[in-house]
Amino acid sequence: MTDASAHSGDPVPRPRPDAELRASHDDREAVAERLREAAGDGRIDLAELEERLEKAFAAKTYGELEPLTADLPGAGGGPVAGPEEPVVLRSNIGELRHTGHWVVPRHLVVRTRLGGARIDFTAAECRHREVLLELDAGMGDVTVIVPRGWSVQTHEVTVALGHVRNRANGVPEPGAPTLRVTGRAGGGTVTVRHPFRWPGRRSSRG
């Protein structure tokens, strides 16, 4: 009896529910770190390490990452924890302000109706290579302030009556976070900018 026929009756494993979800830079780096540790322990050789690292950094989903560490010891054998629940900020009337020191989640959702929002990352603690800011804004303007050196992507934002202005479009610093802004803003303008260089200064353009 061949190996193929011996295993023909084995149940086919069902994929995890989140297997098709997109992996982030942090997820890929977490898998790469586990692979390096396994190579240091002698569990995989250098050739296999190189091969698995190449697949890890090319992976787009959790399902592509999982087999790379499935045969290594660890909790559940999985490569990374499941995707984090998004942090949601809501405001119906008035301006929603999120400033000062705060810990940046991987996925932040901002929902407003009649008022605007100001999200300031200047003094925030960011531990992620990529942060998703998802907008669900109504009539007010949305202002996002990011430290200099961050990379900002705003091409996925849909605005009905307003505009999208990305003024934080300088050359990003190596290793700095990438802020990916998505979602929709109904009647307001979405502005992404750096903090003003001098306290108290205001821009005539918003």
N, C-alpha and C. Protein backbone atom coordinates (compact mmCIF):
# COMPACT_ATOMS: atom_id res chain seq x y z
N MET A 1 0.85 -1.19 0.00
CA MET A 1 0.00 0.00 0.00
C MET A 1 0.88 1.24 0.00
N THR A 2 0.63 2.18 -0.89
CA THR A 2 1.45 3.37 -0.98
C THR A 2 1.08 4.37 0.10
N ASP A 3 1.96 5.35 0.31
CA ASP A 3 1.67 6.39 1.29
C ASP A 3 0.40 7.14 0.95
N ALA A 4 0.18 7.40 -0.37
CA ALA A 4 -1.00 8.16 -0.76
C ALA A 4 -2.27 7.43 -0.37
N SER A 5 -2.32 6.10 -0.62
CA SER A 5 -3.54 5.36 -0.27
C SER A 5 -3.69 5.21 1.22
N ALA A 6 -2.55 5.19 1.95
CA ALA A 6 -2.62 5.04 3.39
C ALA A 6 -3.27 6.24 4.04
N HIS A 7 -3.09 7.42 3.43
CA HIS A 7 -3.63 8.63 4.04
C HIS A 7 -4.87 9.12 3.33
N SER A 8 -5.38 8.32 2.36
CA SER A 8 -6.52 8.80 1.59
C SER A 8 -7.77 8.96 2.44
N GLY A 9 -7.84 8.22 3.57
CA GLY A 9 -9.03 8.33 4.40
C GLY A 9 -8.91 9.35 5.51
N ASP A 10 -7.74 10.00 5.64
CA ASP A 10 -7.57 10.99 6.69
C ASP A 10 -8.48 12.17 6.44
N PRO A 11 -9.04 12.74 7.51
CA PRO A 11 -9.91 13.91 7.32
C PRO A 11 -9.10 15.09 6.82
N VAL A 12 -9.71 15.86 5.94
CA VAL A 12 -9.06 17.05 5.42
C VAL A 12 -9.22 18.17 6.42
N PRO A 13 -8.12 18.76 6.91
CA PRO A 13 -8.25 19.81 7.91
C PRO A 13 -9.00 21.02 7.37
N ARG A 14 -9.88 21.55 8.18
CA ARG A 14 -10.63 22.73 7.77
C ARG A 14 -9.80 23.97 8.04
N PRO A 15 -9.80 24.93 7.13
CA PRO A 15 -9.03 26.14 7.36
C PRO A 15 -9.61 26.95 8.50
N ARG A 16 -8.74 27.70 9.18
CA ARG A 16 -9.21 28.57 10.24
C ARG A 16 -10.10 29.67 9.65
N PRO A 17 -11.08 30.19 10.43
CA PRO A 17 -11.96 31.22 9.90
C PRO A 17 -11.22 32.46 9.44
N ASP A 18 -10.06 32.78 10.06
CA ASP A 18 -9.35 34.00 9.70
C ASP A 18 -8.23 33.74 8.72
N ALA A 19 -8.19 32.55 8.11
CA ALA A 19 -7.08 32.19 7.24
C ALA A 19 -6.97 33.10 6.02
N GLU A 20 -8.10 33.63 5.55
CA GLU A 20 -8.09 34.46 4.36
C GLU A 20 -7.89 35.94 4.67
N LEU A 21 -7.82 36.30 5.95
CA LEU A 21 -7.62 37.70 6.30
C LEU A 21 -6.19 38.13 5.99
N ARG A 22 -6.03 39.38 5.66
CA ARG A 22 -4.73 39.91 5.28
C ARG A 22 -3.80 40.03 6.50
N ALA A 23 -2.55 39.63 6.31
CA ALA A 23 -1.54 39.74 7.36
C ALA A 23 -0.86 41.10 7.28
N SER A 24 -0.37 41.58 8.41
CA SER A 24 0.31 42.88 8.46
C SER A 24 1.82 42.69 8.49
N HIS A 25 2.56 43.81 8.45
CA HIS A 25 4.01 43.75 8.58
C HIS A 25 4.41 43.11 9.91
N ASP A 26 3.68 43.47 11.00
CA ASP A 26 3.99 42.91 12.31
C ASP A 26 3.79 41.40 12.34
N ASP A 27 2.74 40.91 11.67
CA ASP A 27 2.49 39.47 11.61
C ASP A 27 3.63 38.74 10.91
N ARG A 28 4.06 39.29 9.78
CA ARG A 28 5.16 38.65 9.04
C ARG A 28 6.45 38.67 9.84
N GLU A 29 6.71 39.79 10.52
CA GLU A 29 7.93 39.89 11.32
C GLU A 29 7.89 38.94 12.51
N ALA A 30 6.70 38.73 13.10
CA ALA A 30 6.57 37.80 14.23
C ALA A 30 6.90 36.37 13.79
N VAL A 31 6.44 36.00 12.60
CA VAL A 31 6.75 34.67 12.08
C VAL A 31 8.24 34.56 11.80
N ALA A 32 8.82 35.60 11.22
CA ALA A 32 10.25 35.58 10.92
C ALA A 32 11.08 35.42 12.19
N GLU A 33 10.66 36.07 13.26
CA GLU A 33 11.40 35.96 14.53
C GLU A 33 11.32 34.55 15.08
N ARG A 34 10.16 33.90 14.97
CA ARG A 34 10.03 32.51 15.43
C ARG A 34 10.91 31.58 14.61
N LEU A 35 11.01 31.86 13.32
CA LEU A 35 11.85 31.03 12.46
C LEU A 35 13.33 31.20 12.81
N ARG A 36 13.75 32.42 13.10
CA ARG A 36 15.15 32.65 13.49
C ARG A 36 15.47 31.95 14.80
N GLU A 37 14.53 31.99 15.74
CA GLU A 37 14.75 31.29 17.02
C GLU A 37 14.85 29.79 16.79
N ALA A 38 14.01 29.26 15.89
CA ALA A 38 14.04 27.82 15.61
C ALA A 38 15.38 27.43 14.98
N ALA A 39 15.90 28.29 14.11
CA ALA A 39 17.20 28.00 13.51
C ALA A 39 18.30 28.05 14.55
N GLY A 40 18.20 29.00 15.47
CA GLY A 40 19.20 29.09 16.55
C GLY A 40 19.17 27.89 17.47
N ASP A 41 18.00 27.27 17.62
CA ASP A 41 17.87 26.07 18.46
C ASP A 41 18.23 24.79 17.71
N GLY A 42 18.52 24.92 16.40
CA GLY A 42 18.86 23.74 15.62
C GLY A 42 17.66 22.97 15.11
N ARG A 43 16.47 23.54 15.16
CA ARG A 43 15.27 22.83 14.71
C ARG A 43 15.15 22.85 13.19
N ILE A 44 15.63 23.92 12.54
CA ILE A 44 15.67 23.98 11.08
C ILE A 44 17.07 24.46 10.69
N ASP A 45 17.53 24.03 9.51
CA ASP A 45 18.87 24.44 9.08
C ASP A 45 18.80 25.78 8.36
N LEU A 46 19.96 26.31 8.01
CA LEU A 46 20.02 27.65 7.43
C LEU A 46 19.34 27.72 6.07
N ALA A 47 19.46 26.66 5.29
CA ALA A 47 18.82 26.66 3.97
C ALA A 47 17.30 26.72 4.12
N GLU A 48 16.77 25.95 5.07
CA GLU A 48 15.33 25.96 5.29
C GLU A 48 14.88 27.29 5.89
N LEU A 49 15.73 27.86 6.76
CA LEU A 49 15.41 29.17 7.32
C LEU A 49 15.26 30.21 6.22
N GLU A 50 16.21 30.23 5.29
CA GLU A 50 16.16 31.19 4.20
C GLU A 50 14.91 31.00 3.34
N GLU A 51 14.58 29.74 3.08
CA GLU A 51 13.40 29.44 2.27
C GLU A 51 12.11 29.89 2.96
N ARG A 52 12.00 29.62 4.27
CA ARG A 52 10.79 29.97 4.99
C ARG A 52 10.68 31.49 5.19
N LEU A 53 11.81 32.15 5.41
CA LEU A 53 11.78 33.60 5.55
C LEU A 53 11.30 34.27 4.27
N GLU A 54 11.75 33.75 3.15
CA GLU A 54 11.31 34.30 1.87
C GLU A 54 9.80 34.18 1.71
N LYS A 55 9.26 33.03 2.11
CA LYS A 55 7.81 32.82 2.02
C LYS A 55 7.07 33.70 3.03
N ALA A 56 7.67 33.88 4.21
CA ALA A 56 7.02 34.69 5.25
C ALA A 56 6.86 36.13 4.80
N PHE A 57 7.91 36.72 4.25
CA PHE A 57 7.84 38.12 3.87
C PHE A 57 7.03 38.34 2.59
N ALA A 58 6.77 37.25 1.85
CA ALA A 58 5.92 37.35 0.66
C ALA A 58 4.46 37.02 0.95
N ALA A 59 4.18 36.53 2.17
CA ALA A 59 2.82 36.10 2.50
C ALA A 59 1.86 37.28 2.57
N LYS A 60 0.64 37.06 2.11
CA LYS A 60 -0.38 38.09 2.13
C LYS A 60 -1.49 37.80 3.14
N THR A 61 -1.68 36.54 3.54
CA THR A 61 -2.77 36.18 4.44
C THR A 61 -2.25 35.34 5.61
N TYR A 62 -3.09 35.21 6.64
CA TYR A 62 -2.77 34.35 7.78
C TYR A 62 -2.62 32.90 7.34
N GLY A 63 -3.44 32.49 6.35
CA GLY A 63 -3.36 31.12 5.87
C GLY A 63 -2.03 30.79 5.23
N GLU A 64 -1.37 31.78 4.62
CA GLU A 64 -0.05 31.55 4.03
C GLU A 64 1.05 31.55 5.07
N LEU A 65 0.84 32.23 6.18
CA LEU A 65 1.84 32.26 7.25
C LEU A 65 1.81 31.02 8.12
N GLU A 66 0.63 30.49 8.37
CA GLU A 66 0.47 29.42 9.35
C GLU A 66 1.33 28.19 9.10
N PRO A 67 1.43 27.68 7.85
CA PRO A 67 2.23 26.45 7.65
C PRO A 67 3.72 26.64 7.94
N LEU A 68 4.20 27.87 7.94
CA LEU A 68 5.64 28.12 8.11
C LEU A 68 6.12 27.81 9.52
N THR A 69 5.23 27.83 10.49
CA THR A 69 5.61 27.55 11.88
C THR A 69 4.77 26.42 12.48
N ALA A 70 3.95 25.76 11.68
CA ALA A 70 3.04 24.73 12.21
C ALA A 70 3.78 23.56 12.82
N ASP A 71 5.02 23.27 12.37
CA ASP A 71 5.77 22.13 12.90
C ASP A 71 6.76 22.54 13.99
N LEU A 72 6.64 23.77 14.49
CA LEU A 72 7.53 24.25 15.55
C LEU A 72 6.79 24.28 16.87
N PRO A 73 7.49 24.04 17.99
CA PRO A 73 6.82 24.07 19.28
C PRO A 73 6.34 25.47 19.61
N GLY A 74 5.24 25.53 20.33
CA GLY A 74 4.67 26.82 20.70
C GLY A 74 3.19 26.64 20.94
N ALA A 75 2.58 27.66 21.48
CA ALA A 75 1.16 27.57 21.82
C ALA A 75 0.33 27.38 20.56
N GLY A 76 -0.24 26.19 20.40
CA GLY A 76 -1.12 25.91 19.29
C GLY A 76 -0.42 25.74 17.97
N GLY A 77 0.91 25.98 17.92
CA GLY A 77 1.62 25.86 16.67
C GLY A 77 1.31 26.95 15.69
N GLY A 78 0.46 27.92 16.04
CA GLY A 78 0.07 28.97 15.11
C GLY A 78 1.14 30.03 15.01
N PRO A 79 1.19 30.78 13.91
CA PRO A 79 2.22 31.76 13.72
C PRO A 79 2.03 33.02 14.53
N VAL A 80 0.81 33.48 14.60
CA VAL A 80 0.52 34.73 15.28
C VAL A 80 -0.86 34.63 15.90
N ALA A 81 -1.16 35.57 16.78
CA ALA A 81 -2.50 35.63 17.33
C ALA A 81 -3.45 36.10 16.25
N GLY A 82 -4.73 35.87 16.47
CA GLY A 82 -5.72 36.32 15.51
C GLY A 82 -5.71 37.84 15.41
N PRO A 83 -6.38 38.37 14.38
CA PRO A 83 -6.38 39.81 14.19
C PRO A 83 -7.03 40.51 15.37
N GLU A 84 -6.47 41.66 15.74
CA GLU A 84 -6.98 42.41 16.88
C GLU A 84 -8.33 43.04 16.54
N GLU A 85 -9.18 43.15 17.56
CA GLU A 85 -10.43 43.87 17.37
C GLU A 85 -10.11 45.35 17.22
N PRO A 86 -10.78 46.03 16.30
CA PRO A 86 -10.51 47.46 16.13
C PRO A 86 -10.97 48.27 17.33
N VAL A 87 -10.28 49.38 17.59
CA VAL A 87 -10.71 50.33 18.60
C VAL A 87 -11.60 51.36 17.90
N VAL A 88 -12.80 51.58 18.44
CA VAL A 88 -13.78 52.45 17.79
C VAL A 88 -14.00 53.70 18.64
N LEU A 89 -13.86 54.87 17.99
CA LEU A 89 -14.17 56.16 18.62
C LEU A 89 -15.41 56.71 17.96
N ARG A 90 -16.40 57.16 18.78
CA ARG A 90 -17.67 57.63 18.23
C ARG A 90 -18.02 59.01 18.77
N SER A 91 -18.68 59.80 17.90
CA SER A 91 -19.22 61.09 18.31
C SER A 91 -20.36 61.44 17.38
N ASN A 92 -21.53 61.82 17.95
CA ASN A 92 -22.67 62.19 17.13
C ASN A 92 -22.73 63.70 16.87
N ILE A 93 -22.49 64.49 17.91
CA ILE A 93 -22.54 65.95 17.79
C ILE A 93 -21.28 66.52 18.44
N GLY A 94 -20.71 67.55 17.82
CA GLY A 94 -19.51 68.15 18.36
C GLY A 94 -18.25 67.49 17.80
N GLU A 95 -17.10 68.03 18.20
CA GLU A 95 -15.83 67.52 17.67
C GLU A 95 -15.27 66.43 18.56
N LEU A 96 -14.89 65.34 17.95
CA LEU A 96 -14.22 64.24 18.65
C LEU A 96 -12.72 64.54 18.64
N ARG A 97 -12.10 64.58 19.82
CA ARG A 97 -10.67 64.89 19.92
C ARG A 97 -9.95 63.73 20.60
N HIS A 98 -8.90 63.25 19.97
CA HIS A 98 -8.08 62.18 20.55
C HIS A 98 -6.63 62.65 20.46
N THR A 99 -6.13 63.19 21.57
CA THR A 99 -4.82 63.83 21.58
C THR A 99 -4.02 63.39 22.80
N GLY A 100 -2.81 63.95 22.92
CA GLY A 100 -1.96 63.62 24.06
C GLY A 100 -1.33 62.26 23.93
N HIS A 101 -0.99 61.67 25.08
CA HIS A 101 -0.36 60.34 25.06
C HIS A 101 -1.44 59.26 25.03
N TRP A 102 -1.32 58.36 24.07
CA TRP A 102 -2.21 57.20 23.97
C TRP A 102 -1.48 56.13 23.19
N VAL A 103 -1.92 54.90 23.38
CA VAL A 103 -1.30 53.76 22.70
C VAL A 103 -2.08 53.48 21.42
N VAL A 104 -1.40 53.51 20.31
CA VAL A 104 -2.04 53.37 19.01
C VAL A 104 -2.37 51.91 18.75
N PRO A 105 -3.62 51.59 18.46
CA PRO A 105 -3.97 50.22 18.08
C PRO A 105 -3.60 49.98 16.62
N ARG A 106 -3.61 48.73 16.24
CA ARG A 106 -3.32 48.41 14.84
C ARG A 106 -4.45 48.87 13.92
N HIS A 107 -5.69 48.88 14.43
CA HIS A 107 -6.86 49.24 13.63
C HIS A 107 -7.71 50.20 14.45
N LEU A 108 -7.85 51.43 13.98
CA LEU A 108 -8.62 52.46 14.67
C LEU A 108 -9.77 52.90 13.76
N VAL A 109 -10.99 52.88 14.30
CA VAL A 109 -12.17 53.31 13.56
C VAL A 109 -12.70 54.59 14.19
N VAL A 110 -12.93 55.62 13.37
CA VAL A 110 -13.46 56.90 13.84
C VAL A 110 -14.82 57.11 13.17
N ARG A 111 -15.88 57.22 14.00
CA ARG A 111 -17.23 57.39 13.49
C ARG A 111 -17.83 58.68 14.04
N THR A 112 -18.18 59.60 13.16
CA THR A 112 -18.83 60.85 13.55
C THR A 112 -20.04 61.07 12.65
N ARG A 113 -20.95 61.91 13.14
CA ARG A 113 -22.14 62.20 12.36
C ARG A 113 -22.23 63.68 12.00
N LEU A 114 -22.54 64.53 12.97
CA LEU A 114 -22.72 65.96 12.68
C LEU A 114 -21.49 66.78 13.00
N GLY A 115 -20.57 66.24 13.75
CA GLY A 115 -19.37 66.98 14.12
C GLY A 115 -18.14 66.46 13.41
N GLY A 116 -17.00 67.08 13.72
CA GLY A 116 -15.74 66.68 13.12
C GLY A 116 -14.91 65.84 14.07
N ALA A 117 -13.67 65.61 13.68
CA ALA A 117 -12.77 64.79 14.50
C ALA A 117 -11.34 65.28 14.32
N ARG A 118 -10.57 65.21 15.41
CA ARG A 118 -9.15 65.53 15.38
C ARG A 118 -8.40 64.38 16.05
N ILE A 119 -7.62 63.65 15.27
CA ILE A 119 -6.85 62.52 15.78
C ILE A 119 -5.38 62.89 15.69
N ASP A 120 -4.72 62.99 16.85
CA ASP A 120 -3.35 63.48 16.91
C ASP A 120 -2.43 62.35 17.37
N PHE A 121 -1.54 61.92 16.47
CA PHE A 121 -0.59 60.85 16.77
C PHE A 121 0.75 61.39 17.29
N THR A 122 0.86 62.70 17.47
CA THR A 122 2.16 63.31 17.77
C THR A 122 2.80 62.74 19.02
N ALA A 123 2.04 62.65 20.12
CA ALA A 123 2.58 62.16 21.39
C ALA A 123 2.15 60.74 21.68
N ALA A 124 1.59 60.06 20.69
CA ALA A 124 1.09 58.70 20.91
C ALA A 124 2.23 57.68 20.85
N GLU A 125 2.01 56.55 21.46
CA GLU A 125 2.97 55.44 21.46
C GLU A 125 2.52 54.42 20.41
N CYS A 126 3.29 54.29 19.34
CA CYS A 126 2.94 53.39 18.25
C CYS A 126 3.93 52.24 18.18
N ARG A 127 3.45 51.01 18.30
CA ARG A 127 4.30 49.82 18.28
C ARG A 127 4.14 49.01 17.00
N HIS A 128 3.42 49.56 16.03
CA HIS A 128 3.12 48.83 14.81
C HIS A 128 3.82 49.45 13.61
N ARG A 129 4.15 48.60 12.65
CA ARG A 129 4.74 49.09 11.41
C ARG A 129 3.68 49.73 10.52
N GLU A 130 2.44 49.21 10.58
CA GLU A 130 1.34 49.75 9.78
C GLU A 130 0.12 49.91 10.66
N VAL A 131 -0.53 51.08 10.55
CA VAL A 131 -1.74 51.38 11.32
C VAL A 131 -2.85 51.69 10.33
N LEU A 132 -4.00 51.06 10.55
CA LEU A 132 -5.17 51.30 9.70
C LEU A 132 -6.11 52.26 10.42
N LEU A 133 -6.36 53.42 9.81
CA LEU A 133 -7.32 54.39 10.33
C LEU A 133 -8.53 54.38 9.40
N GLU A 134 -9.64 53.85 9.89
CA GLU A 134 -10.85 53.70 9.08
C GLU A 134 -11.85 54.79 9.47
N LEU A 135 -12.23 55.62 8.50
CA LEU A 135 -13.12 56.73 8.76
C LEU A 135 -14.56 56.39 8.36
N ASP A 136 -15.49 56.80 9.21
CA ASP A 136 -16.92 56.75 8.89
C ASP A 136 -17.48 58.08 9.38
N ALA A 137 -17.21 59.14 8.61
CA ALA A 137 -17.50 60.50 9.05
C ALA A 137 -18.67 61.07 8.27
N GLY A 138 -19.43 61.93 8.94
CA GLY A 138 -20.60 62.54 8.33
C GLY A 138 -20.29 63.90 7.71
N MET A 139 -20.77 64.98 8.38
CA MET A 139 -20.69 66.31 7.78
C MET A 139 -19.47 67.12 8.21
N GLY A 140 -18.81 66.76 9.29
CA GLY A 140 -17.71 67.57 9.80
C GLY A 140 -16.37 67.25 9.16
N ASP A 141 -15.41 68.16 9.37
CA ASP A 141 -14.06 67.94 8.88
C ASP A 141 -13.31 66.97 9.79
N VAL A 142 -12.37 66.25 9.22
CA VAL A 142 -11.52 65.32 9.96
C VAL A 142 -10.07 65.76 9.79
N THR A 143 -9.38 66.00 10.89
CA THR A 143 -7.97 66.39 10.86
C THR A 143 -7.15 65.30 11.54
N VAL A 144 -6.13 64.82 10.84
CA VAL A 144 -5.24 63.78 11.37
C VAL A 144 -3.83 64.37 11.40
N ILE A 145 -3.20 64.31 12.57
CA ILE A 145 -1.86 64.88 12.75
C ILE A 145 -0.88 63.75 13.04
N VAL A 146 0.17 63.65 12.24
CA VAL A 146 1.14 62.56 12.38
C VAL A 146 2.53 63.13 12.58
N PRO A 147 3.41 62.43 13.28
CA PRO A 147 4.79 62.89 13.43
C PRO A 147 5.51 62.96 12.09
N ARG A 148 6.49 63.81 12.00
CA ARG A 148 7.30 63.89 10.79
C ARG A 148 8.08 62.58 10.62
N GLY A 149 8.14 62.11 9.39
CA GLY A 149 8.82 60.85 9.10
C GLY A 149 7.87 59.70 8.85
N TRP A 150 6.60 59.84 9.29
CA TRP A 150 5.62 58.80 9.03
C TRP A 150 5.26 58.78 7.55
N SER A 151 4.90 57.60 7.06
CA SER A 151 4.36 57.46 5.72
C SER A 151 2.84 57.42 5.81
N VAL A 152 2.16 58.17 4.95
CA VAL A 152 0.70 58.27 5.00
C VAL A 152 0.11 57.93 3.63
N GLN A 153 -0.90 57.07 3.63
CA GLN A 153 -1.61 56.70 2.40
C GLN A 153 -3.08 57.09 2.56
N THR A 154 -3.59 57.91 1.66
CA THR A 154 -4.97 58.39 1.76
C THR A 154 -5.80 58.09 0.51
N HIS A 155 -5.25 57.36 -0.43
CA HIS A 155 -5.95 57.16 -1.71
C HIS A 155 -7.18 56.27 -1.58
N GLU A 156 -7.39 55.62 -0.43
CA GLU A 156 -8.55 54.75 -0.27
C GLU A 156 -9.73 55.46 0.39
N VAL A 157 -9.60 56.76 0.67
CA VAL A 157 -10.68 57.50 1.32
C VAL A 157 -11.66 58.00 0.26
N THR A 158 -12.96 57.81 0.51
CA THR A 158 -14.00 58.31 -0.37
C THR A 158 -14.67 59.52 0.29
N VAL A 159 -14.71 60.64 -0.42
CA VAL A 159 -15.34 61.86 0.09
C VAL A 159 -16.43 62.27 -0.87
N ALA A 160 -17.65 62.53 -0.34
CA ALA A 160 -18.78 62.87 -1.20
C ALA A 160 -18.73 64.32 -1.66
N LEU A 161 -18.69 65.28 -0.71
CA LEU A 161 -18.75 66.70 -1.06
C LEU A 161 -17.47 67.46 -0.70
N GLY A 162 -16.60 66.89 0.06
CA GLY A 162 -15.40 67.58 0.50
C GLY A 162 -14.17 67.20 -0.31
N HIS A 163 -13.02 67.20 0.39
CA HIS A 163 -11.75 66.90 -0.26
C HIS A 163 -10.89 66.07 0.68
N VAL A 164 -9.87 65.45 0.12
CA VAL A 164 -8.84 64.78 0.90
C VAL A 164 -7.53 65.51 0.66
N ARG A 165 -6.91 65.99 1.72
CA ARG A 165 -5.66 66.74 1.62
C ARG A 165 -4.59 66.03 2.44
N ASN A 166 -3.61 65.49 1.78
CA ASN A 166 -2.50 64.83 2.47
C ASN A 166 -1.29 65.75 2.41
N ARG A 167 -1.05 66.47 3.50
CA ARG A 167 0.09 67.38 3.58
C ARG A 167 1.27 66.73 4.29
N ALA A 168 1.11 65.51 4.73
CA ALA A 168 2.21 64.77 5.36
C ALA A 168 2.82 63.85 4.32
N ASN A 169 3.27 64.42 3.23
CA ASN A 169 3.73 63.64 2.09
C ASN A 169 5.22 63.76 1.85
N GLY A 170 5.98 64.05 2.92
CA GLY A 170 7.43 64.10 2.80
C GLY A 170 8.03 62.71 2.69
N VAL A 171 9.35 62.67 2.56
CA VAL A 171 10.06 61.39 2.46
C VAL A 171 9.99 60.69 3.82
N PRO A 172 9.44 59.46 3.88
CA PRO A 172 9.34 58.76 5.17
C PRO A 172 10.70 58.32 5.68
N GLU A 173 10.83 58.26 7.01
CA GLU A 173 12.06 57.78 7.62
C GLU A 173 12.07 56.25 7.63
N PRO A 174 13.23 55.64 7.46
CA PRO A 174 13.31 54.16 7.50
C PRO A 174 12.79 53.62 8.83
N GLY A 175 11.92 52.63 8.75
CA GLY A 175 11.39 52.01 9.96
C GLY A 175 10.24 52.75 10.60
N ALA A 176 9.87 53.93 10.08
CA ALA A 176 8.76 54.68 10.66
C ALA A 176 7.43 54.02 10.29
N PRO A 177 6.40 54.23 11.11
CA PRO A 177 5.10 53.61 10.82
C PRO A 177 4.48 54.15 9.53
N THR A 178 3.62 53.33 8.95
CA THR A 178 2.80 53.74 7.82
C THR A 178 1.37 53.85 8.29
N LEU A 179 0.75 55.00 8.07
CA LEU A 179 -0.66 55.20 8.41
C LEU A 179 -1.48 55.06 7.13
N ARG A 180 -2.36 54.08 7.11
CA ARG A 180 -3.21 53.82 5.95
C ARG A 180 -4.62 54.28 6.30
N VAL A 181 -5.07 55.34 5.63
CA VAL A 181 -6.38 55.94 5.91
C VAL A 181 -7.37 55.43 4.87
N THR A 182 -8.48 54.86 5.35
CA THR A 182 -9.51 54.32 4.47
C THR A 182 -10.88 54.83 4.92
N GLY A 183 -11.93 54.37 4.25
CA GLY A 183 -13.28 54.68 4.67
C GLY A 183 -13.90 55.81 3.87
N ARG A 184 -14.82 56.54 4.53
CA ARG A 184 -15.57 57.58 3.84
C ARG A 184 -15.79 58.79 4.74
N ALA A 185 -15.92 59.95 4.10
CA ALA A 185 -16.30 61.18 4.78
C ALA A 185 -17.34 61.85 3.91
N GLY A 186 -18.52 62.11 4.47
CA GLY A 186 -19.63 62.59 3.67
C GLY A 186 -19.48 64.00 3.15
N GLY A 187 -19.62 64.99 4.04
CA GLY A 187 -19.62 66.37 3.58
C GLY A 187 -18.44 67.19 4.04
N GLY A 188 -17.50 66.58 4.70
CA GLY A 188 -16.36 67.34 5.22
C GLY A 188 -15.08 67.07 4.47
N THR A 189 -14.02 67.76 4.89
CA THR A 189 -12.70 67.61 4.29
C THR A 189 -11.81 66.81 5.22
N VAL A 190 -11.08 65.87 4.67
CA VAL A 190 -10.12 65.08 5.44
C VAL A 190 -8.73 65.67 5.19
N THR A 191 -8.07 66.12 6.27
CA THR A 191 -6.74 66.72 6.17
C THR A 191 -5.77 65.94 7.03
N VAL A 192 -4.67 65.52 6.44
CA VAL A 192 -3.60 64.87 7.18
C VAL A 192 -2.38 65.80 7.12
N ARG A 193 -1.81 66.12 8.25
CA ARG A 193 -0.69 67.06 8.30
C ARG A 193 0.25 66.71 9.44
N HIS A 194 1.40 67.38 9.43
CA HIS A 194 2.34 67.28 10.54
C HIS A 194 1.97 68.32 11.61
N PRO A 195 2.47 68.17 12.83
CA PRO A 195 2.23 69.21 13.84
C PRO A 195 2.94 70.49 13.43
N PHE A 196 2.39 71.64 13.85
CA PHE A 196 3.03 72.90 13.57
C PHE A 196 4.36 72.99 14.30
N ARG A 197 5.32 73.63 13.68
CA ARG A 197 6.67 73.72 14.27
C ARG A 197 6.69 74.64 15.49
N TRP A 198 5.80 75.63 15.52
CA TRP A 198 5.77 76.56 16.63
C TRP A 198 4.41 76.51 17.30
N PRO A 199 4.39 76.39 18.65
CA PRO A 199 3.11 76.32 19.36
C PRO A 199 2.26 77.55 19.08
N GLY A 200 0.97 77.32 18.92
CA GLY A 200 0.05 78.43 18.71
C GLY A 200 -0.14 78.82 17.28
N ARG A 201 0.70 78.29 16.39
CA ARG A 201 0.55 78.64 14.98
C ARG A 201 -0.67 77.94 14.40
N ARG A 202 -1.36 78.61 13.51
CA ARG A 202 -2.50 78.03 12.82
C ARG A 202 -2.34 78.24 11.33
N SER A 203 -2.80 77.26 10.57
CA SER A 203 -2.70 77.35 9.13
C SER A 203 -3.96 77.96 8.56
N SER A 204 -3.82 78.85 7.60
CA SER A 204 -4.98 79.45 6.96
C SER A 204 -5.72 78.48 6.07
N ARG A 205 -5.09 77.35 5.79
CA ARG A 205 -5.70 76.35 4.93
C ARG A 205 -6.35 75.22 5.72
N GLY A 206 -6.34 75.26 7.05
CA GLY A 206 -7.01 74.22 7.87
C GLY A 206 -6.07 73.22 8.43
